[in-house]
Amino acid sequence: MSRITTLAAIAALATATTVMDAGAWTRDSTTSGWRGTTTSSASGNCSNGSCSRSVVRTGSYGNTASANSSAACSNGECSRDVHRTGPRGGSVDRSATISR
């Protein structure tokens, strides 16, 4: 994801969290295709200008990938942290901050 897209997503999240605080949510899905079945389980929560999200996907061959992210806004500054782990155990961390 490009830096501009990431910063735009943070700004949109900041606007949404300042308008109203949302509660917790969960979503589970299963997708079947010619390569097999993939399952996805996601959950998130927003409270007091801060949101978190967690997603775990399991592919048709049993490989699992996950992503955990959080975003928070305070005093005109919003930040986002993401930690992703791939199906072979590799991981990447990303952070971004935007000020108004």
PDB file of N, CA and C in Angstrom:
ATOM      1  N   MET A   1       0.854  -1.168   0.000  1.00  0.00           N
ATOM      2  CA  MET A   1       0.000   0.000   0.000  1.00  0.00           C
ATOM      3  C   MET A   1       0.897   1.227   0.000  1.00  0.00           C
ATOM      4  N   SER A   2       0.586   2.198  -0.802  1.00  0.00           N
ATOM      5  CA  SER A   2       1.414   3.382  -0.866  1.00  0.00           C
ATOM      6  C   SER A   2       1.226   4.246   0.374  1.00  0.00           C
ATOM      7  N   ARG A   3       2.198   5.104   0.612  1.00  0.00           N
ATOM      8  CA  ARG A   3       2.162   5.966   1.787  1.00  0.00           C
ATOM      9  C   ARG A   3       0.938   6.872   1.763  1.00  0.00           C
ATOM     10  N   ILE A   4       0.589   7.420   0.605  1.00  0.00           N
ATOM     11  CA  ILE A   4      -0.571   8.310   0.506  1.00  0.00           C
ATOM     12  C   ILE A   4      -1.847   7.549   0.821  1.00  0.00           C
ATOM     13  N   THR A   5      -1.985   6.335   0.307  1.00  0.00           N
ATOM     14  CA  THR A   5      -3.166   5.526   0.589  1.00  0.00           C
ATOM     15  C   THR A   5      -3.245   5.203   2.077  1.00  0.00           C
ATOM     16  N   THR A   6      -2.114   4.860   2.682  1.00  0.00           N
ATOM     17  CA  THR A   6      -2.086   4.561   4.114  1.00  0.00           C
ATOM     18  C   THR A   6      -2.500   5.773   4.926  1.00  0.00           C
ATOM     19  N   LEU A   7      -1.951   6.930   4.589  1.00  0.00           N
ATOM     20  CA  LEU A   7      -2.287   8.143   5.331  1.00  0.00           C
ATOM     21  C   LEU A   7      -3.744   8.533   5.127  1.00  0.00           C
ATOM     22  N   ALA A   8      -4.276   8.315   3.937  1.00  0.00           N
ATOM     23  CA  ALA A   8      -5.692   8.588   3.693  1.00  0.00           C
ATOM     24  C   ALA A   8      -6.571   7.670   4.526  1.00  0.00           C
ATOM     25  N   ALA A   9      -6.178   6.400   4.646  1.00  0.00           N
ATOM     26  CA  ALA A   9      -6.940   5.454   5.461  1.00  0.00           C
ATOM     27  C   ALA A   9      -6.918   5.867   6.928  1.00  0.00           C
ATOM     28  N   ILE A  10      -5.778   6.343   7.403  1.00  0.00           N
ATOM     29  CA  ILE A  10      -5.684   6.805   8.800  1.00  0.00           C
ATOM     30  C   ILE A  10      -6.568   8.016   9.010  1.00  0.00           C
ATOM     31  N   ALA A  11      -6.540   8.952   8.063  1.00  0.00           N
ATOM     32  CA  ALA A  11      -7.374  10.146   8.189  1.00  0.00           C
ATOM     33  C   ALA A  11      -8.853   9.781   8.211  1.00  0.00           C
ATOM     34  N   ALA A  12      -9.264   8.833   7.359  1.00  0.00           N
ATOM     35  CA  ALA A  12     -10.660   8.390   7.340  1.00  0.00           C
ATOM     36  C   ALA A  12     -11.034   7.732   8.658  1.00  0.00           C
ATOM     37  N   LEU A  13     -10.135   6.926   9.186  1.00  0.00           N
ATOM     38  CA  LEU A  13     -10.376   6.276  10.468  1.00  0.00           C
ATOM     39  C   LEU A  13     -10.479   7.311  11.577  1.00  0.00           C
ATOM     40  N   ALA A  14      -9.633   8.316  11.536  1.00  0.00           N
ATOM     41  CA  ALA A  14      -9.663   9.377  12.542  1.00  0.00           C
ATOM     42  C   ALA A  14     -11.002  10.096  12.531  1.00  0.00           C
ATOM     43  N   THR A  15     -11.508  10.387  11.341  1.00  0.00           N
ATOM     44  CA  THR A  15     -12.805  11.052  11.217  1.00  0.00           C
ATOM     45  C   THR A  15     -13.912  10.171  11.769  1.00  0.00           C
ATOM     46  N   ALA A  16     -13.886   8.893  11.442  1.00  0.00           N
ATOM     47  CA  ALA A  16     -14.920   7.975  11.910  1.00  0.00           C
ATOM     48  C   ALA A  16     -14.882   7.809  13.418  1.00  0.00           C
ATOM     49  N   THR A  17     -13.697   7.755  14.008  1.00  0.00           N
ATOM     50  CA  THR A  17     -13.614   7.538  15.451  1.00  0.00           C
ATOM     51  C   THR A  17     -13.959   8.788  16.231  1.00  0.00           C
ATOM     52  N   THR A  18     -13.811   9.981  15.640  1.00  0.00           N
ATOM     53  CA  THR A  18     -14.188  11.179  16.370  1.00  0.00           C
ATOM     54  C   THR A  18     -15.685  11.421  16.315  1.00  0.00           C
ATOM     55  N   VAL A  19     -16.358  10.884  15.296  1.00  0.00           N
ATOM     56  CA  VAL A  19     -17.799  11.050  15.177  1.00  0.00           C
ATOM     57  C   VAL A  19     -18.526  10.185  16.199  1.00  0.00           C
ATOM     58  N   MET A  20     -18.137   8.911  16.292  1.00  0.00           N
ATOM     59  CA  MET A  20     -18.762   8.026  17.261  1.00  0.00           C
ATOM     60  C   MET A  20     -17.850   6.841  17.540  1.00  0.00           C
ATOM     61  N   ASP A  21     -17.928   6.347  18.734  1.00  0.00           N
ATOM     62  CA  ASP A  21     -17.169   5.152  19.090  1.00  0.00           C
ATOM     63  C   ASP A  21     -18.034   3.934  18.792  1.00  0.00           C
ATOM     64  N   ALA A  22     -17.486   2.984  18.087  1.00  0.00           N
ATOM     65  CA  ALA A  22     -18.212   1.767  17.736  1.00  0.00           C
ATOM     66  C   ALA A  22     -17.871   0.669  18.727  1.00  0.00           C
ATOM     67  N   GLY A  23     -18.677  -0.344  18.776  1.00  0.00           N
ATOM     68  CA  GLY A  23     -18.440  -1.476  19.659  1.00  0.00           C
ATOM     69  C   GLY A  23     -17.608  -2.541  18.987  1.00  0.00           C
ATOM     70  N   ALA A  24     -17.520  -3.652  19.637  1.00  0.00           N
ATOM     71  CA  ALA A  24     -16.757  -4.786  19.116  1.00  0.00           C
ATOM     72  C   ALA A  24     -17.532  -5.476  18.001  1.00  0.00           C
ATOM     73  N   TRP A  25     -16.805  -6.120  17.095  1.00  0.00           N
ATOM     74  CA  TRP A  25     -17.421  -6.855  16.006  1.00  0.00           C
ATOM     75  C   TRP A  25     -16.581  -8.090  15.685  1.00  0.00           C
ATOM     76  N   THR A  26     -17.225  -9.060  15.072  1.00  0.00           N
ATOM     77  CA  THR A  26     -16.539 -10.260  14.586  1.00  0.00           C
ATOM     78  C   THR A  26     -17.131 -10.648  13.248  1.00  0.00           C
ATOM     79  N   ARG A  27     -16.335 -11.334  12.444  1.00  0.00           N
ATOM     80  CA  ARG A  27     -16.825 -11.816  11.157  1.00  0.00           C
ATOM     81  C   ARG A  27     -16.055 -13.085  10.790  1.00  0.00           C
ATOM     82  N   ASP A  28     -16.767 -14.115  10.431  1.00  0.00           N
ATOM     83  CA  ASP A  28     -16.174 -15.366   9.980  1.00  0.00           C
ATOM     84  C   ASP A  28     -16.696 -15.659   8.582  1.00  0.00           C
ATOM     85  N   SER A  29     -15.824 -16.168   7.719  1.00  0.00           N
ATOM     86  CA  SER A  29     -16.280 -16.506   6.378  1.00  0.00           C
ATOM     87  C   SER A  29     -15.537 -17.734   5.860  1.00  0.00           C
ATOM     88  N   THR A  30     -16.169 -18.394   4.930  1.00  0.00           N
ATOM     89  CA  THR A  30     -15.593 -19.552   4.256  1.00  0.00           C
ATOM     90  C   THR A  30     -15.812 -19.375   2.765  1.00  0.00           C
ATOM     91  N   THR A  31     -14.747 -19.564   1.994  1.00  0.00           N
ATOM     92  CA  THR A  31     -14.822 -19.441   0.550  1.00  0.00           C
ATOM     93  C   THR A  31     -14.311 -20.732  -0.068  1.00  0.00           C
ATOM     94  N   SER A  32     -15.099 -21.307  -0.962  1.00  0.00           N
ATOM     95  CA  SER A  32     -14.694 -22.540  -1.641  1.00  0.00           C
ATOM     96  C   SER A  32     -14.526 -22.280  -3.123  1.00  0.00           C
ATOM     97  N   GLY A  33     -13.501 -22.877  -3.679  1.00  0.00           N
ATOM     98  CA  GLY A  33     -13.233 -22.733  -5.101  1.00  0.00           C
ATOM     99  C   GLY A  33     -12.521 -23.960  -5.615  1.00  0.00           C
ATOM    100  N   TRP A  34     -12.043 -23.899  -6.836  1.00  0.00           N
ATOM    101  CA  TRP A  34     -11.407 -25.054  -7.446  1.00  0.00           C
ATOM    102  C   TRP A  34     -10.104 -25.430  -6.754  1.00  0.00           C
ATOM    103  N   ARG A  35      -9.487 -24.522  -6.003  1.00  0.00           N
ATOM    104  CA  ARG A  35      -8.255 -24.830  -5.273  1.00  0.00           C
ATOM    105  C   ARG A  35      -8.510 -25.302  -3.848  1.00  0.00           C
ATOM    106  N   GLY A  36      -9.749 -25.315  -3.430  1.00  0.00           N
ATOM    107  CA  GLY A  36     -10.072 -25.759  -2.081  1.00  0.00           C
ATOM    108  C   GLY A  36     -10.829 -24.699  -1.308  1.00  0.00           C
ATOM    109  N   THR A  37     -10.782 -24.791   0.011  1.00  0.00           N
ATOM    110  CA  THR A  37     -11.545 -23.911   0.891  1.00  0.00           C
ATOM    111  C   THR A  37     -10.615 -23.029   1.716  1.00  0.00           C
ATOM    112  N   THR A  38     -10.966 -21.773   1.826  1.00  0.00           N
ATOM    113  CA  THR A  38     -10.235 -20.812   2.647  1.00  0.00           C
ATOM    114  C   THR A  38     -11.182 -20.284   3.709  1.00  0.00           C
ATOM    115  N   THR A  39     -10.717 -20.239   4.953  1.00  0.00           N
ATOM    116  CA  THR A  39     -11.522 -19.672   6.031  1.00  0.00           C
ATOM    117  C   THR A  39     -10.864 -18.391   6.531  1.00  0.00           C
ATOM    118  N   SER A  40     -11.686 -17.489   6.999  1.00  0.00           N
ATOM    119  CA  SER A  40     -11.213 -16.218   7.521  1.00  0.00           C
ATOM    120  C   SER A  40     -11.985 -15.889   8.784  1.00  0.00           C
ATOM    121  N   SER A  41     -11.273 -15.447   9.787  1.00  0.00           N
ATOM    122  CA  SER A  41     -11.895 -15.027  11.036  1.00  0.00           C
ATOM    123  C   SER A  41     -11.331 -13.658  11.405  1.00  0.00           C
ATOM    124  N   ALA A  42     -12.205 -12.676  11.568  1.00  0.00           N
ATOM    125  CA  ALA A  42     -11.776 -11.314  11.867  1.00  0.00           C
ATOM    126  C   ALA A  42     -12.539 -10.781  13.072  1.00  0.00           C
ATOM    127  N   SER A  43     -11.878  -9.927  13.824  1.00  0.00           N
ATOM    128  CA  SER A  43     -12.529  -9.266  14.954  1.00  0.00           C
ATOM    129  C   SER A  43     -11.916  -7.891  15.122  1.00  0.00           C
ATOM    130  N   GLY A  44     -12.677  -7.013  15.732  1.00  0.00           N
ATOM    131  CA  GLY A  44     -12.188  -5.660  15.947  1.00  0.00           C
ATOM    132  C   GLY A  44     -12.961  -4.966  17.034  1.00  0.00           C
ATOM    133  N   ASN A  45     -12.440  -3.818  17.426  1.00  0.00           N
ATOM    134  CA  ASN A  45     -13.061  -3.048  18.489  1.00  0.00           C
ATOM    135  C   ASN A  45     -12.616  -1.604  18.371  1.00  0.00           C
ATOM    136  N   CYS A  46     -13.519  -0.682  18.604  1.00  0.00           N
ATOM    137  CA  CYS A  46     -13.191   0.744  18.652  1.00  0.00           C
ATOM    138  C   CYS A  46     -13.714   1.320  19.960  1.00  0.00           C
ATOM    139  N   SER A  47     -12.869   2.124  20.580  1.00  0.00           N
ATOM    140  CA  SER A  47     -13.254   2.745  21.837  1.00  0.00           C
ATOM    141  C   SER A  47     -12.358   3.942  22.111  1.00  0.00           C
ATOM    142  N   ASN A  48     -12.952   5.054  22.482  1.00  0.00           N
ATOM    143  CA  ASN A  48     -12.212   6.246  22.903  1.00  0.00           C
ATOM    144  C   ASN A  48     -11.160   6.695  21.894  1.00  0.00           C
ATOM    145  N   GLY A  49     -11.501   6.722  20.615  1.00  0.00           N
ATOM    146  CA  GLY A  49     -10.593   7.201  19.581  1.00  0.00           C
ATOM    147  C   GLY A  49      -9.516   6.226  19.186  1.00  0.00           C
ATOM    148  N   SER A  50      -9.651   4.973  19.584  1.00  0.00           N
ATOM    149  CA  SER A  50      -8.660   3.950  19.262  1.00  0.00           C
ATOM    150  C   SER A  50      -9.375   2.712  18.723  1.00  0.00           C
ATOM    151  N   CYS A  51      -8.830   2.126  17.659  1.00  0.00           N
ATOM    152  CA  CYS A  51      -9.425   0.924  17.073  1.00  0.00           C
ATOM    153  C   CYS A  51      -8.365  -0.153  16.892  1.00  0.00           C
ATOM    154  N   SER A  52      -8.800  -1.401  17.013  1.00  0.00           N
ATOM    155  CA  SER A  52      -7.903  -2.524  16.753  1.00  0.00           C
ATOM    156  C   SER A  52      -8.640  -3.547  15.902  1.00  0.00           C
ATOM    157  N   ARG A  53      -7.854  -4.338  15.152  1.00  0.00           N
ATOM    158  CA  ARG A  53      -8.428  -5.334  14.255  1.00  0.00           C
ATOM    159  C   ARG A  53      -7.473  -6.507  14.166  1.00  0.00           C
ATOM    160  N   SER A  54      -8.038  -7.702  14.122  1.00  0.00           N
ATOM    161  CA  SER A  54      -7.242  -8.919  14.012  1.00  0.00           C
ATOM    162  C   SER A  54      -7.898  -9.835  12.984  1.00  0.00           C
ATOM    163  N   VAL A  55      -7.089 -10.380  12.060  1.00  0.00           N
ATOM    164  CA  VAL A  55      -7.600 -11.267  11.023  1.00  0.00           C
ATOM    165  C   VAL A  55      -6.698 -12.492  10.932  1.00  0.00           C
ATOM    166  N   VAL A  56      -7.310 -13.671  10.855  1.00  0.00           N
ATOM    167  CA  VAL A  56      -6.572 -14.914  10.637  1.00  0.00           C
ATOM    168  C   VAL A  56      -7.212 -15.610   9.446  1.00  0.00           C
ATOM    169  N   ARG A  57      -6.384 -15.949   8.446  1.00  0.00           N
ATOM    170  CA  ARG A  57      -6.869 -16.656   7.258  1.00  0.00           C
ATOM    171  C   ARG A  57      -6.141 -17.984   7.147  1.00  0.00           C
ATOM    172  N   THR A  58      -6.901 -19.039   6.877  1.00  0.00           N
ATOM    173  CA  THR A  58      -6.330 -20.363   6.672  1.00  0.00           C
ATOM    174  C   THR A  58      -6.674 -20.820   5.272  1.00  0.00           C
ATOM    175  N   GLY A  59      -5.649 -21.130   4.496  1.00  0.00           N
ATOM    176  CA  GLY A  59      -5.829 -21.525   3.110  1.00  0.00           C
ATOM    177  C   GLY A  59      -6.170 -22.993   2.964  1.00  0.00           C
ATOM    178  N   SER A  60      -6.402 -23.379   1.729  1.00  0.00           N
ATOM    179  CA  SER A  60      -6.832 -24.740   1.435  1.00  0.00           C
ATOM    180  C   SER A  60      -5.773 -25.787   1.766  1.00  0.00           C
ATOM    181  N   TYR A  61      -4.517 -25.397   1.861  1.00  0.00           N
ATOM    182  CA  TYR A  61      -3.459 -26.349   2.203  1.00  0.00           C
ATOM    183  C   TYR A  61      -3.074 -26.271   3.682  1.00  0.00           C
ATOM    184  N   GLY A  62      -3.872 -25.577   4.476  1.00  0.00           N
ATOM    185  CA  GLY A  62      -3.624 -25.473   5.907  1.00  0.00           C
ATOM    186  C   GLY A  62      -2.682 -24.362   6.320  1.00  0.00           C
ATOM    187  N   ASN A  63      -2.167 -23.597   5.365  1.00  0.00           N
ATOM    188  CA  ASN A  63      -1.286 -22.476   5.696  1.00  0.00           C
ATOM    189  C   ASN A  63      -2.098 -21.335   6.296  1.00  0.00           C
ATOM    190  N   THR A  64      -1.534 -20.696   7.312  1.00  0.00           N
ATOM    191  CA  THR A  64      -2.234 -19.624   8.010  1.00  0.00           C
ATOM    192  C   THR A  64      -1.461 -18.315   7.900  1.00  0.00           C
ATOM    193  N   ALA A  65      -2.173 -17.238   7.661  1.00  0.00           N
ATOM    194  CA  ALA A  65      -1.602 -15.894   7.646  1.00  0.00           C
ATOM    195  C   ALA A  65      -2.446 -15.034   8.580  1.00  0.00           C
ATOM    196  N   SER A  66      -1.813 -14.084   9.266  1.00  0.00           N
ATOM    197  CA  SER A  66      -2.559 -13.236  10.187  1.00  0.00           C
ATOM    198  C   SER A  66      -2.115 -11.784  10.066  1.00  0.00           C
ATOM    199  N   ALA A  67      -2.998 -10.893  10.481  1.00  0.00           N
ATOM    200  CA  ALA A  67      -2.702  -9.464  10.510  1.00  0.00           C
ATOM    201  C   ALA A  67      -3.353  -8.870  11.747  1.00  0.00           C
ATOM    202  N   ASN A  68      -2.586  -8.107  12.487  1.00  0.00           N
ATOM    203  CA  ASN A  68      -3.082  -7.393  13.654  1.00  0.00           C
ATOM    204  C   ASN A  68      -2.765  -5.919  13.462  1.00  0.00           C
ATOM    205  N   SER A  69      -3.759  -5.067  13.626  1.00  0.00           N
ATOM    206  CA  SER A  69      -3.522  -3.643  13.440  1.00  0.00           C
ATOM    207  C   SER A  69      -4.244  -2.835  14.506  1.00  0.00           C
ATOM    208  N   SER A  70      -3.713  -1.647  14.740  1.00  0.00           N
ATOM    209  CA  SER A  70      -4.350  -0.722  15.670  1.00  0.00           C
ATOM    210  C   SER A  70      -4.159   0.693  15.149  1.00  0.00           C
ATOM    211  N   ALA A  71      -5.096   1.542  15.457  1.00  0.00           N
ATOM    212  CA  ALA A  71      -5.030   2.943  15.063  1.00  0.00           C
ATOM    213  C   ALA A  71      -5.581   3.777  16.208  1.00  0.00           C
ATOM    214  N   ALA A  72      -4.974   4.928  16.421  1.00  0.00           N
ATOM    215  CA  ALA A  72      -5.415   5.804  17.495  1.00  0.00           C
ATOM    216  C   ALA A  72      -5.228   7.252  17.081  1.00  0.00           C
ATOM    217  N   CYS A  73      -6.120   8.103  17.563  1.00  0.00           N
ATOM    218  CA  CYS A  73      -6.035   9.532  17.287  1.00  0.00           C
ATOM    219  C   CYS A  73      -6.131  10.302  18.600  1.00  0.00           C
ATOM    220  N   SER A  74      -5.278  11.304  18.715  1.00  0.00           N
ATOM    221  CA  SER A  74      -5.287  12.137  19.908  1.00  0.00           C
ATOM    222  C   SER A  74      -4.628  13.470  19.581  1.00  0.00           C
ATOM    223  N   ASN A  75      -5.250  14.557  19.987  1.00  0.00           N
ATOM    224  CA  ASN A  75      -4.695  15.900  19.829  1.00  0.00           C
ATOM    225  C   ASN A  75      -4.254  16.199  18.398  1.00  0.00           C
ATOM    226  N   GLY A  76      -5.070  15.832  17.415  1.00  0.00           N
ATOM    227  CA  GLY A  76      -4.782  16.136  16.026  1.00  0.00           C
ATOM    228  C   GLY A  76      -3.746  15.241  15.371  1.00  0.00           C
ATOM    229  N   GLU A  77      -3.340  14.169  16.032  1.00  0.00           N
ATOM    230  CA  GLU A  77      -2.368  13.247  15.449  1.00  0.00           C
ATOM    231  C   GLU A  77      -2.939  11.834  15.469  1.00  0.00           C
ATOM    232  N   CYS A  78      -2.826  11.150  14.343  1.00  0.00           N
ATOM    233  CA  CYS A  78      -3.306   9.777  14.241  1.00  0.00           C
ATOM    234  C   CYS A  78      -2.145   8.863  13.860  1.00  0.00           C
ATOM    235  N   SER A  79      -2.138   7.694  14.436  1.00  0.00           N
ATOM    236  CA  SER A  79      -1.084   6.730  14.120  1.00  0.00           C
ATOM    237  C   SER A  79      -1.705   5.361  13.893  1.00  0.00           C
ATOM    238  N   ARG A  80      -0.994   4.550  13.120  1.00  0.00           N
ATOM    239  CA  ARG A  80      -1.460   3.200  12.812  1.00  0.00           C
ATOM    240  C   ARG A  80      -0.269   2.258  12.833  1.00  0.00           C
ATOM    241  N   ASP A  81      -0.448   1.116  13.461  1.00  0.00           N
ATOM    242  CA  ASP A  81       0.566   0.072  13.513  1.00  0.00           C
ATOM    243  C   ASP A  81      -0.039  -1.217  12.974  1.00  0.00           C
ATOM    244  N   VAL A  82       0.731  -1.937  12.157  1.00  0.00           N
ATOM    245  CA  VAL A  82       0.276  -3.200  11.577  1.00  0.00           C
ATOM    246  C   VAL A  82       1.377  -4.239  11.725  1.00  0.00           C
ATOM    247  N   HIS A  83       0.987  -5.434  12.156  1.00  0.00           N
ATOM    248  CA  HIS A  83       1.914  -6.572  12.222  1.00  0.00           C
ATOM    249  C   HIS A  83       1.292  -7.701  11.422  1.00  0.00           C
ATOM    250  N   ARG A  84       2.016  -8.186  10.397  1.00  0.00           N
ATOM    251  CA  ARG A  84       1.516  -9.273   9.554  1.00  0.00           C
ATOM    252  C   ARG A  84       2.465 -10.448   9.616  1.00  0.00           C
ATOM    253  N   THR A  85       1.894 -11.640   9.673  1.00  0.00           N
ATOM    254  CA  THR A  85       2.671 -12.880   9.648  1.00  0.00           C
ATOM    255  C   THR A  85       2.171 -13.714   8.483  1.00  0.00           C
ATOM    256  N   GLY A  86       3.083 -14.160   7.653  1.00  0.00           N
ATOM    257  CA  GLY A  86       2.731 -14.924   6.465  1.00  0.00           C
ATOM    258  C   GLY A  86       2.623 -16.407   6.739  1.00  0.00           C
ATOM    259  N   PRO A  87       2.229 -17.170   5.743  1.00  0.00           N
ATOM    260  CA  PRO A  87       1.999 -18.607   5.910  1.00  0.00           C
ATOM    261  C   PRO A  87       3.274 -19.406   6.190  1.00  0.00           C
ATOM    262  N   ARG A  88       4.430 -18.840   5.896  1.00  0.00           N
ATOM    263  CA  ARG A  88       5.691 -19.547   6.162  1.00  0.00           C
ATOM    264  C   ARG A  88       6.417 -18.994   7.392  1.00  0.00           C
ATOM    265  N   GLY A  89       5.734 -18.151   8.182  1.00  0.00           N
ATOM    266  CA  GLY A  89       6.296 -17.651   9.421  1.00  0.00           C
ATOM    267  C   GLY A  89       7.001 -16.315   9.338  1.00  0.00           C
ATOM    268  N   GLY A  90       7.220 -15.801   8.138  1.00  0.00           N
ATOM    269  CA  GLY A  90       7.827 -14.474   8.007  1.00  0.00           C
ATOM    270  C   GLY A  90       6.867 -13.405   8.492  1.00  0.00           C
ATOM    271  N   SER A  91       7.407 -12.290   8.959  1.00  0.00           N
ATOM    272  CA  SER A  91       6.527 -11.227   9.440  1.00  0.00           C
ATOM    273  C   SER A  91       7.045  -9.864   9.015  1.00  0.00           C
ATOM    274  N   VAL A  92       6.160  -8.891   9.033  1.00  0.00           N
ATOM    275  CA  VAL A  92       6.501  -7.515   8.695  1.00  0.00           C
ATOM    276  C   VAL A  92       5.705  -6.598   9.610  1.00  0.00           C
ATOM    277  N   ASP A  93       6.344  -5.511  10.038  1.00  0.00           N
ATOM    278  CA  ASP A  93       5.702  -4.494  10.863  1.00  0.00           C
ATOM    279  C   ASP A  93       5.721  -3.171  10.099  1.00  0.00           C
ATOM    280  N   ARG A  94       4.609  -2.452  10.149  1.00  0.00           N
ATOM    281  CA  ARG A  94       4.527  -1.145   9.506  1.00  0.00           C
ATOM    282  C   ARG A  94       3.860  -0.168  10.449  1.00  0.00           C
ATOM    283  N   SER A  95       4.329   1.069  10.398  1.00  0.00           N
ATOM    284  CA  SER A  95       3.746   2.143  11.200  1.00  0.00           C
ATOM    285  C   SER A  95       3.615   3.391  10.362  1.00  0.00           C
ATOM    286  N   ALA A  96       2.627   4.198  10.672  1.00  0.00           N
ATOM    287  CA  ALA A  96       2.429   5.477   9.986  1.00  0.00           C
ATOM    288  C   ALA A  96       1.803   6.464  10.959  1.00  0.00           C
ATOM    289  N   THR A  97       2.137   7.727  10.795  1.00  0.00           N
ATOM    290  CA  THR A  97       1.572   8.787  11.627  1.00  0.00           C
ATOM    291  C   THR A  97       1.217   9.953  10.725  1.00  0.00           C
ATOM    292  N   ILE A  98       0.089  10.597  11.028  1.00  0.00           N
ATOM    293  CA  ILE A  98      -0.321  11.768  10.284  1.00  0.00           C
ATOM    294  C   ILE A  98      -0.802  12.818  11.285  1.00  0.00           C
ATOM    295  N   SER A  99      -0.468  14.079  11.011  1.00  0.00           N
ATOM    296  CA  SER A  99      -0.896  15.177  11.868  1.00  0.00           C
ATOM    297  C   SER A  99      -1.794  16.097  11.076  1.00  0.00           C
ATOM    298  N   ARG A 100      -2.782  16.655  11.760  1.00  0.00           N
ATOM    299  CA  ARG A 100      -3.692  17.600  11.101  1.00  0.00           C
ATOM    300  C   ARG A 100      -3.242  19.000  11.388  1.00  0.00           C
TER     301      ARG A 100
END
